[in-house]
Amino acid sequence: MGEESPRWLCARDIAERVASGKLEAQRSIDGHLEAIGRLNGRLHAYIHVDHGARAAAGPWSGVTLAVKDTHPVAGMPWTYATPSWRDRRATEDAIPVTCARAAGMTVLGKTNLPELAAAIGTTNTLFPPTQNPWREGITPGGSSGGSAAAVAAGLATVAVGDDMGGSIRIPSSCCGVVGLRPSVDRVPHEMVDATGLSSRGPMGRTVADVRLLYATVTGASLEGNDVRRPYRIGFVDASPLAVDAPCREACRRAADALRATGHDVSAIAWDPQPVADGYMVVRRASVASFPAAPELLGPGVRQLAEDGRRLSALDYFKAFESATLSANRAVAQPLRTGFDFLLTPTLGMQPMEIENVPTFLGADWSRYTQFVLPVSFARVPAISIPAGLHEGLPVGVQLVGRMGGESDLLDLAEQLEAQPGFGFQRPPGLD
């Protein structure tokens, strides 16, 4: 596929070319399907593809959408990557999918994830592991790893995922794309999340594409604003947990870039371990609430479910309260009292080989997720921005905004994305 292949175009460019007659909408769909046919056998981003996908009418006709397999899409598998739902098919669309279709977007298929979305890589017992488009054998992150890989490899214009403990931001950082975790409940959800932490959100190669999909599924304003006043931005320069040098350096480069554009950037304290300690209890309980006996689950989550069933209500509430209080001290309080935004590395560790991904809820998991997890418990919006490469693999930085402040957060993210060394780069060898 050439440089001007529709699969690498941003959503607005596709829509404008379709509207002006310079591009047939179906050519965009077919270009993505052709690339999926060539590359998905290697990347395993999709677990199901609609090979007969057709363009639809609407303002975003020709724009393609990849859907994480936690979201129902009528007539497609809806497995959550668990053996107990191996043969399940959805009978109706998730609300965000309905909104996207109404705007003219075309759903290409369902993307891979770890079982019950309970891991920070993308492996399970039903499907082959998703590969990072930047390097075979490297994790794409999780749990929305299939969605991030599809977008990074040009196998979809945009994608949707969900994020309880970092599941949009982690793979966005690993694959070098943009991923927004909105404030909780900003994107409609037809299912109940007992923890109240999970948030559905968009993923794309640019902030503009993420803004477009976010606006499409929420009804928010599509238009951004110029960042005209200096913001007060707190950034994390140190942590009690170890941080890989490339992750820390990316954050410092972002701080310098934001200072150069006129913002007031100063360091803040960060103590993520109490949040991780609480989440270890909360997440075990949420896995245990899945409507299947533990023996019907894959080995990766069976023990989590069994542990969760032994917890008491008091265990759960104490853990949730402790994690929330710690997150509010680290995230919500600075945003209320001294800062407009926070800046952190997205991850505490660089993408690693798939077999070396930290065990979910283990010691290295705490280090890996130390910047995304407190934000989840604070329930505020955050976005991961590509911040260049280290030894050929992506690294990301995280911007965190105030509750309900997605529009301002996207504006600032777009300003950072435009600075040298930031923004999407195309992985090699995918044309």
Protein backbone atom coordinates (compact mmCIF):
# COMPACT_ATOMS: atom_id res chain seq x y z
CA MET A 1 0.00 0.00 0.00
CA GLY A 2 1.34 3.42 -0.92
CA GLU A 3 1.90 6.53 1.13
CA GLU A 4 -1.62 7.79 0.39
CA SER A 5 -3.32 4.51 1.23
CA PRO A 6 -6.60 5.26 3.03
CA ARG A 7 -5.55 2.96 5.87
CA TRP A 8 -3.04 5.54 7.09
CA LEU A 9 -5.26 8.60 6.64
CA CYS A 10 -6.74 10.35 9.66
CA ALA A 11 -10.51 10.24 10.06
CA ARG A 12 -11.16 13.81 9.00
CA ASP A 13 -9.07 13.39 5.83
CA ILE A 14 -11.03 10.26 4.92
CA ALA A 15 -14.35 12.01 5.50
CA GLU A 16 -13.36 15.11 3.56
CA ARG A 17 -12.09 13.10 0.59
CA VAL A 18 -15.22 10.97 0.55
CA ALA A 19 -17.45 14.04 0.74
CA SER A 20 -15.56 15.77 -2.09
CA GLY A 21 -15.61 12.68 -4.31
CA LYS A 22 -11.82 12.25 -4.23
CA LEU A 23 -12.12 8.91 -2.41
CA GLU A 24 -14.74 6.20 -2.57
CA ALA A 25 -15.71 5.23 0.96
CA GLN A 26 -15.58 1.54 0.08
CA ARG A 27 -11.97 1.92 -1.06
CA SER A 28 -11.06 2.90 2.50
CA ILE A 29 -12.88 -0.15 3.88
CA ASP A 30 -11.26 -2.45 1.31
CA GLY A 31 -7.80 -0.99 1.96
CA HIS A 32 -8.09 -1.82 5.64
CA LEU A 33 -9.46 -5.31 4.93
CA GLU A 34 -6.62 -6.00 2.51
CA ALA A 35 -4.07 -5.00 5.15
CA ILE A 36 -5.82 -7.15 7.75
CA GLY A 37 -5.66 -10.09 5.34
CA ARG A 38 -1.90 -9.64 4.95
CA LEU A 39 -0.89 -8.74 8.48
CA ASN A 40 -3.36 -10.07 11.03
CA GLY A 41 -2.00 -13.62 10.76
CA ARG A 42 1.24 -12.21 12.15
CA LEU A 43 -0.08 -9.58 14.58
CA HIS A 44 -3.28 -11.27 15.84
CA ALA A 45 -4.87 -7.90 16.60
CA TYR A 46 -8.32 -9.14 15.54
CA ILE A 47 -10.06 -12.26 16.78
CA HIS A 48 -12.92 -11.79 14.27
CA VAL A 49 -13.06 -9.83 11.00
CA ASP A 50 -16.09 -8.89 8.92
CA HIS A 51 -14.56 -9.58 5.50
CA GLY A 52 -17.74 -8.33 3.84
CA ALA A 53 -17.74 -4.98 5.66
CA ARG A 54 -19.38 -2.23 3.63
CA ALA A 55 -19.19 1.55 3.73
CA ALA A 56 -22.15 3.35 5.26
CA ALA A 57 -23.66 6.78 4.74
CA GLY A 58 -22.92 9.53 7.22
CA PRO A 59 -20.49 12.34 8.02
CA TRP A 60 -17.69 9.87 8.81
CA SER A 61 -18.28 7.48 5.92
CA GLY A 62 -15.13 5.54 5.11
CA VAL A 63 -13.75 5.73 8.65
CA THR A 64 -13.12 2.25 10.06
CA LEU A 65 -13.54 1.10 13.65
CA ALA A 66 -11.99 -1.80 15.58
CA VAL A 67 -13.95 -2.93 18.65
CA LYS A 68 -12.48 -4.61 21.72
CA ASP A 69 -14.15 -7.92 22.46
CA THR A 70 -15.55 -6.61 25.73
CA HIS A 71 -18.06 -4.58 23.65
CA PRO A 72 -20.98 -6.37 21.97
CA VAL A 73 -21.36 -6.01 18.20
CA ALA A 74 -24.50 -7.58 16.75
CA GLY A 75 -23.78 -10.88 14.99
CA MET A 76 -20.12 -11.00 16.03
CA PRO A 77 -18.38 -13.07 18.73
CA TRP A 78 -18.47 -11.63 22.24
CA THR A 79 -16.11 -13.88 24.13
CA TYR A 80 -14.22 -11.73 26.64
CA ALA A 81 -11.47 -14.24 25.69
CA THR A 82 -12.82 -16.74 28.22
CA PRO A 83 -13.54 -20.42 27.46
CA SER A 84 -16.92 -20.16 29.21
CA TRP A 85 -18.10 -17.71 26.49
CA ARG A 86 -16.21 -19.28 23.59
CA ASP A 87 -19.35 -19.65 21.42
CA ARG A 88 -21.28 -16.56 22.51
CA ARG A 89 -22.44 -14.05 19.88
CA ALA A 90 -23.91 -10.63 20.55
CA THR A 91 -27.46 -9.85 19.50
CA GLU A 92 -27.13 -6.05 19.61
CA ASP A 93 -24.49 -3.35 19.43
CA ALA A 94 -22.84 -1.62 22.36
CA ILE A 95 -24.02 1.97 22.68
CA PRO A 96 -20.73 3.46 21.39
CA VAL A 97 -20.86 1.12 18.40
CA THR A 98 -24.42 2.24 17.66
CA CYS A 99 -23.31 5.88 17.77
CA ALA A 100 -20.32 5.22 15.52
CA ARG A 101 -22.43 3.37 12.95
CA ALA A 102 -25.02 6.16 12.94
CA ALA A 103 -22.24 8.60 12.02
CA GLY A 104 -21.20 6.46 9.05
CA MET A 105 -18.26 4.54 10.51
CA THR A 106 -17.76 0.90 9.53
CA VAL A 107 -16.99 -1.78 12.12
CA LEU A 108 -14.28 -4.10 10.81
CA GLY A 109 -14.25 -6.64 13.63
CA LYS A 110 -13.46 -7.55 17.23
CA THR A 111 -10.00 -7.18 18.78
CA ASN A 112 -8.02 -9.42 21.10
CA LEU A 113 -7.64 -9.10 24.87
CA PRO A 114 -6.57 -11.18 27.88
CA GLU A 115 -9.25 -13.30 29.53
CA LEU A 116 -11.82 -11.07 31.30
CA ALA A 117 -9.50 -8.14 30.52
CA ALA A 118 -7.56 -9.19 33.62
CA ALA A 119 -3.93 -8.74 32.54
CA ILE A 120 -1.54 -6.10 31.27
CA GLY A 121 -0.57 -8.13 28.20
CA THR A 122 -2.78 -9.64 25.50
CA THR A 123 -2.62 -13.41 25.80
CA ASN A 124 -5.37 -15.94 26.48
CA THR A 125 -6.22 -19.61 25.88
CA LEU A 126 -8.61 -19.02 22.95
CA PHE A 127 -6.55 -16.99 20.48
CA PRO A 128 -2.87 -16.46 19.61
CA PRO A 129 -1.12 -13.67 21.53
CA THR A 130 -1.28 -10.20 20.01
CA GLN A 131 2.10 -8.96 18.80
CA ASN A 132 3.38 -5.41 19.10
CA PRO A 133 3.46 -3.90 15.57
CA TRP A 134 6.88 -2.44 16.37
CA ARG A 135 8.56 -5.79 17.06
CA GLU A 136 7.44 -9.39 16.99
CA GLY A 137 7.62 -11.08 20.37
CA ILE A 138 7.04 -7.83 22.28
CA THR A 139 3.83 -7.21 24.20
CA PRO A 140 1.34 -4.66 22.86
CA GLY A 141 0.22 -4.08 26.45
CA GLY A 142 -3.25 -4.84 27.75
CA SER A 143 -5.95 -5.26 28.18
CA SER A 144 -6.97 -3.34 25.02
CA GLY A 145 -3.88 -4.65 23.26
CA GLY A 146 -5.66 -5.83 20.12
CA SER A 147 -7.26 -2.41 19.60
CA ALA A 148 -3.94 -0.57 20.06
CA ALA A 149 -2.12 -2.94 17.71
CA ALA A 150 -4.83 -2.60 15.04
CA VAL A 151 -4.60 1.20 15.08
CA ALA A 152 -0.79 1.29 15.18
CA ALA A 153 -0.54 -1.15 12.24
CA GLY A 154 -3.02 0.73 10.05
CA LEU A 155 -5.63 -2.04 10.37
CA ALA A 156 -8.31 0.46 11.49
CA THR A 157 -8.66 4.23 11.54
CA VAL A 158 -9.75 4.27 15.19
CA ALA A 159 -10.68 1.80 17.90
CA VAL A 160 -12.60 1.55 21.15
CA GLY A 161 -11.37 -0.05 24.34
CA ASP A 162 -12.08 0.17 28.03
CA ASP A 163 -9.89 1.08 30.96
CA MET A 164 -10.27 0.00 34.59
CA GLY A 165 -6.66 -0.06 35.73
CA GLY A 166 -4.94 1.37 32.67
CA SER A 167 -6.26 -0.88 29.91
CA ILE A 168 -6.45 1.88 27.26
CA ARG A 169 -3.40 3.87 28.30
CA ILE A 170 -1.03 0.89 28.78
CA PRO A 171 -1.36 -0.52 25.24
CA SER A 172 -1.47 2.97 23.73
CA SER A 173 1.94 3.63 25.24
CA CYS A 174 3.31 0.22 24.22
CA CYS A 175 2.14 0.57 20.59
CA GLY A 176 2.82 4.28 20.16
CA VAL A 177 -0.75 5.51 19.67
CA VAL A 178 -3.05 7.95 21.46
CA GLY A 179 -5.51 6.60 24.01
CA LEU A 180 -8.06 8.51 26.10
CA ARG A 181 -9.55 7.27 29.34
CA PRO A 182 -12.52 9.62 29.85
CA SER A 183 -14.08 10.45 33.19
CA VAL A 184 -16.14 7.49 34.41
CA ASP A 185 -19.54 7.19 32.68
CA ARG A 186 -18.80 9.80 30.01
CA VAL A 187 -19.05 7.08 27.32
CA PRO A 188 -22.34 5.18 27.70
CA HIS A 189 -22.24 1.59 28.92
CA GLU A 190 -25.09 -0.91 28.67
CA MET A 191 -23.55 -3.15 31.35
CA VAL A 192 -22.98 -2.58 35.06
CA ASP A 193 -19.41 -2.26 36.38
CA ALA A 194 -19.65 -3.09 40.07
CA THR A 195 -16.37 -1.30 40.86
CA GLY A 196 -17.41 1.98 39.22
CA LEU A 197 -13.85 2.33 37.90
CA SER A 198 -14.09 1.17 34.28
CA SER A 199 -14.31 3.75 31.51
CA ARG A 200 -14.80 3.16 27.79
CA GLY A 201 -12.69 5.31 25.51
CA PRO A 202 -11.23 5.93 22.05
CA MET A 203 -7.84 5.08 20.59
CA GLY A 204 -6.29 6.55 17.45
CA ARG A 205 -3.09 7.65 15.77
CA THR A 206 -3.72 11.33 16.50
CA VAL A 207 -5.37 13.37 19.22
CA ALA A 208 -7.73 14.74 16.56
CA ASP A 209 -8.96 11.22 15.73
CA VAL A 210 -9.42 10.41 19.41
CA ARG A 211 -11.37 13.65 19.86
CA LEU A 212 -13.54 12.80 16.85
CA LEU A 213 -14.46 9.33 18.12
CA TYR A 214 -15.01 10.64 21.64
CA ALA A 215 -17.36 13.33 20.32
CA THR A 216 -19.17 10.79 18.15
CA VAL A 217 -19.96 8.40 21.01
CA THR A 218 -20.72 11.04 23.66
CA GLY A 219 -22.25 13.97 21.79
CA ALA A 220 -19.46 16.26 23.07
CA SER A 221 -18.23 19.17 20.97
CA LEU A 222 -15.91 18.13 18.17
CA GLU A 223 -14.10 21.43 17.88
CA GLY A 224 -10.98 22.07 19.94
CA ASN A 225 -9.71 25.41 21.20
CA ASP A 226 -6.29 26.99 21.04
CA VAL A 227 -4.45 26.78 24.35
CA ARG A 228 -4.17 30.50 24.99
CA ARG A 229 -3.24 30.79 28.62
CA PRO A 230 -0.41 29.24 30.59
CA TYR A 231 -1.53 26.25 32.61
CA ARG A 232 -0.17 25.07 35.95
CA ILE A 233 1.04 21.52 35.36
CA GLY A 234 2.33 19.20 38.05
CA PHE A 235 4.68 16.51 36.84
CA VAL A 236 6.07 13.38 38.42
CA ASP A 237 9.85 13.40 38.58
CA ALA A 238 10.30 10.59 41.10
CA SER A 239 8.46 7.66 42.67
CA PRO A 240 9.07 5.24 45.56
CA LEU A 241 8.85 2.48 42.94
CA ALA A 242 11.57 2.09 40.33
CA VAL A 243 10.92 3.76 36.97
CA ASP A 244 12.71 2.74 33.77
CA ALA A 245 14.99 5.53 32.61
CA PRO A 246 13.36 5.93 29.16
CA CYS A 247 9.94 6.41 30.77
CA ARG A 248 11.28 9.01 33.20
CA GLU A 249 13.22 10.78 30.45
CA ALA A 250 10.15 10.96 28.20
CA CYS A 251 8.25 12.70 30.98
CA ARG A 252 11.07 15.19 31.49
CA ARG A 253 11.16 15.92 27.76
CA ALA A 254 7.41 16.51 27.84
CA ALA A 255 7.80 18.85 30.81
CA ASP A 256 10.46 20.82 28.94
CA ALA A 257 8.27 20.98 25.82
CA LEU A 258 5.30 22.27 27.81
CA ARG A 259 7.49 24.86 29.56
CA ALA A 260 8.72 25.99 26.14
CA THR A 261 5.12 26.66 25.10
CA GLY A 262 4.60 28.88 28.14
CA HIS A 263 3.17 26.61 30.81
CA ASP A 264 4.22 26.57 34.46
CA VAL A 265 5.49 23.04 35.15
CA SER A 266 6.67 21.90 38.59
CA ALA A 267 7.30 18.56 40.27
CA ILE A 268 4.78 16.86 42.56
CA ALA A 269 5.02 13.91 44.95
CA TRP A 270 3.77 10.46 43.90
CA ASP A 271 3.10 7.41 46.08
CA PRO A 272 1.32 4.71 44.04
CA GLN A 273 1.76 1.61 46.21
CA PRO A 274 -1.26 2.13 48.52
CA VAL A 275 -3.50 2.35 45.46
CA ALA A 276 -2.02 -0.86 44.04
CA ASP A 277 -2.52 -2.63 47.37
CA GLY A 278 -6.21 -1.73 47.38
CA TYR A 279 -6.72 -2.62 43.73
CA MET A 280 -5.31 -6.10 44.32
CA VAL A 281 -8.35 -6.79 46.51
CA VAL A 282 -10.89 -4.89 44.39
CA ARG A 283 -9.86 -6.58 41.14
CA ARG A 284 -9.96 -10.06 42.63
CA ALA A 285 -13.49 -9.36 43.80
CA SER A 286 -14.51 -8.08 40.36
CA VAL A 287 -13.14 -11.22 38.66
CA ALA A 288 -15.00 -13.36 41.18
CA SER A 289 -18.25 -11.60 40.26
CA PHE A 290 -18.05 -12.98 36.70
CA PRO A 291 -21.05 -15.27 36.15
CA ALA A 292 -19.17 -18.54 35.74
CA ALA A 293 -17.75 -21.14 38.08
CA PRO A 294 -13.97 -20.76 38.55
CA GLU A 295 -13.33 -24.17 37.00
CA LEU A 296 -14.79 -22.86 33.70
CA LEU A 297 -12.23 -20.07 33.54
CA GLY A 298 -8.77 -20.21 32.02
CA PRO A 299 -5.78 -20.76 34.30
CA GLY A 300 -4.75 -17.11 34.13
CA VAL A 301 -7.81 -15.86 36.00
CA ARG A 302 -9.10 -18.96 37.81
CA GLN A 303 -6.95 -18.32 40.88
CA LEU A 304 -8.01 -14.66 40.94
CA ALA A 305 -11.67 -15.71 40.95
CA GLU A 306 -11.11 -18.26 43.71
CA ASP A 307 -9.24 -15.68 45.81
CA GLY A 308 -12.02 -13.16 45.23
CA ARG A 309 -14.70 -15.55 46.41
CA ARG A 310 -12.96 -15.83 49.76
CA LEU A 311 -13.07 -12.07 50.36
CA SER A 312 -15.63 -10.51 52.68
CA ALA A 313 -17.61 -7.36 51.94
CA LEU A 314 -15.57 -5.64 54.66
CA ASP A 315 -12.32 -6.65 52.92
CA TYR A 316 -13.59 -5.12 49.70
CA PHE A 317 -14.82 -1.84 51.16
CA LYS A 318 -11.70 -1.28 53.24
CA ALA A 319 -9.48 -1.86 50.21
CA PHE A 320 -11.59 0.37 47.96
CA GLU A 321 -11.65 3.17 50.54
CA SER A 322 -7.90 3.00 51.14
CA ALA A 323 -7.07 3.03 47.42
CA THR A 324 -9.48 5.90 46.74
CA LEU A 325 -8.13 8.05 49.57
CA SER A 326 -4.57 7.50 48.36
CA ALA A 327 -5.54 8.29 44.76
CA ASN A 328 -7.29 11.45 45.85
CA ARG A 329 -4.16 12.61 47.68
CA ALA A 330 -1.95 11.89 44.66
CA VAL A 331 -4.25 13.01 41.84
CA ALA A 332 -7.53 14.70 42.77
CA GLN A 333 -6.22 17.02 45.50
CA PRO A 334 -3.43 18.56 43.36
CA LEU A 335 -5.93 19.10 40.54
CA ARG A 336 -8.32 20.88 42.89
CA THR A 337 -5.83 23.02 44.77
CA GLY A 338 -2.76 23.81 42.74
CA PHE A 339 -2.71 22.48 39.21
CA ASP A 340 -4.81 22.46 36.05
CA PHE A 341 -3.22 19.22 34.75
CA LEU A 342 -0.77 16.53 35.78
CA LEU A 343 1.98 15.01 33.64
CA THR A 344 3.48 11.57 34.29
CA PRO A 345 5.12 8.76 32.36
CA THR A 346 2.35 6.48 31.13
CA LEU A 347 4.18 3.37 32.35
CA GLY A 348 6.91 2.61 34.82
CA MET A 349 8.50 0.05 32.50
CA GLN A 350 9.24 -0.23 28.80
CA PRO A 351 7.42 -2.84 26.63
CA MET A 352 8.99 -6.24 27.21
CA GLU A 353 8.92 -9.68 25.63
CA ILE A 354 5.50 -11.30 25.82
CA GLU A 355 6.68 -14.10 28.11
CA ASN A 356 8.13 -11.52 30.52
CA VAL A 357 4.99 -9.43 31.02
CA PRO A 358 4.56 -8.94 34.79
CA THR A 359 2.09 -11.28 36.44
CA PHE A 360 -1.23 -9.54 36.97
CA LEU A 361 -1.41 -8.05 40.49
CA GLY A 362 2.17 -9.13 41.20
CA ALA A 363 5.12 -7.03 42.39
CA ASP A 364 6.38 -5.92 38.96
CA TRP A 365 2.77 -5.23 37.93
CA SER A 366 2.69 -2.48 40.60
CA ARG A 367 5.77 -0.87 39.09
CA TYR A 368 4.43 -1.19 35.55
CA THR A 369 1.04 0.43 36.37
CA GLN A 370 2.19 2.93 38.99
CA PHE A 371 1.13 6.00 36.99
CA VAL A 372 -2.13 4.82 35.43
CA LEU A 373 -3.78 3.12 38.41
CA PRO A 374 -4.07 6.13 40.79
CA VAL A 375 -5.77 8.06 37.98
CA SER A 376 -8.38 5.32 37.63
CA PHE A 377 -9.29 5.52 41.32
CA ALA A 378 -9.48 9.32 41.11
CA ARG A 379 -12.00 8.84 38.25
CA VAL A 380 -10.59 11.74 36.24
CA PRO A 381 -9.75 11.74 32.52
CA ALA A 382 -6.26 10.96 31.24
CA ILE A 383 -4.64 10.50 27.86
CA SER A 384 -1.47 8.72 26.73
CA ILE A 385 0.57 10.50 24.05
CA PRO A 386 3.39 8.92 22.00
CA ALA A 387 6.72 10.38 23.17
CA GLY A 388 9.21 8.88 20.75
CA LEU A 389 11.12 5.62 20.74
CA HIS A 390 13.77 3.95 22.89
CA GLU A 391 15.79 1.24 21.17
CA GLY A 392 13.08 0.97 18.53
CA LEU A 393 10.10 0.61 20.90
CA PRO A 394 7.52 3.29 21.78
CA VAL A 395 7.35 5.20 25.04
CA GLY A 396 4.42 7.31 26.16
CA VAL A 397 3.55 10.12 28.55
CA GLN A 398 0.28 10.67 30.38
CA LEU A 399 -1.63 13.93 30.76
CA VAL A 400 -4.30 13.98 33.48
CA GLY A 401 -7.18 16.45 33.65
CA ARG A 402 -9.98 17.44 35.99
CA MET A 403 -13.24 15.53 36.25
CA GLY A 404 -15.33 16.21 33.14
CA GLY A 405 -12.52 18.22 31.57
CA GLU A 406 -11.95 16.08 28.49
CA SER A 407 -12.14 18.99 26.05
CA ASP A 408 -9.39 21.00 27.77
CA LEU A 409 -7.31 17.83 28.22
CA LEU A 410 -7.53 17.06 24.51
CA ASP A 411 -6.54 20.63 23.68
CA LEU A 412 -3.40 20.38 25.79
CA ALA A 413 -2.63 16.91 24.42
CA GLU A 414 -2.85 18.24 20.89
CA GLN A 415 -0.41 21.02 21.78
CA LEU A 416 2.08 18.51 23.20
CA GLU A 417 1.60 16.17 20.25
CA ALA A 418 2.70 18.97 17.90
CA GLN A 419 6.06 19.43 19.64
CA PRO A 420 9.21 17.81 18.20
CA GLY A 421 9.66 14.23 19.39
CA PHE A 422 5.98 13.60 20.14
CA GLY A 423 3.11 12.08 18.18
CA PHE A 424 2.54 8.92 16.16
CA GLN A 425 5.26 7.31 14.11
CA ARG A 426 4.53 4.53 11.63
CA PRO A 427 5.99 1.15 12.62
CA PRO A 428 8.37 -0.24 9.98
CA GLY A 429 7.60 -3.11 7.65
CA LEU A 430 3.79 -2.82 7.55
CA ASP A 431 3.26 -1.53 4.01
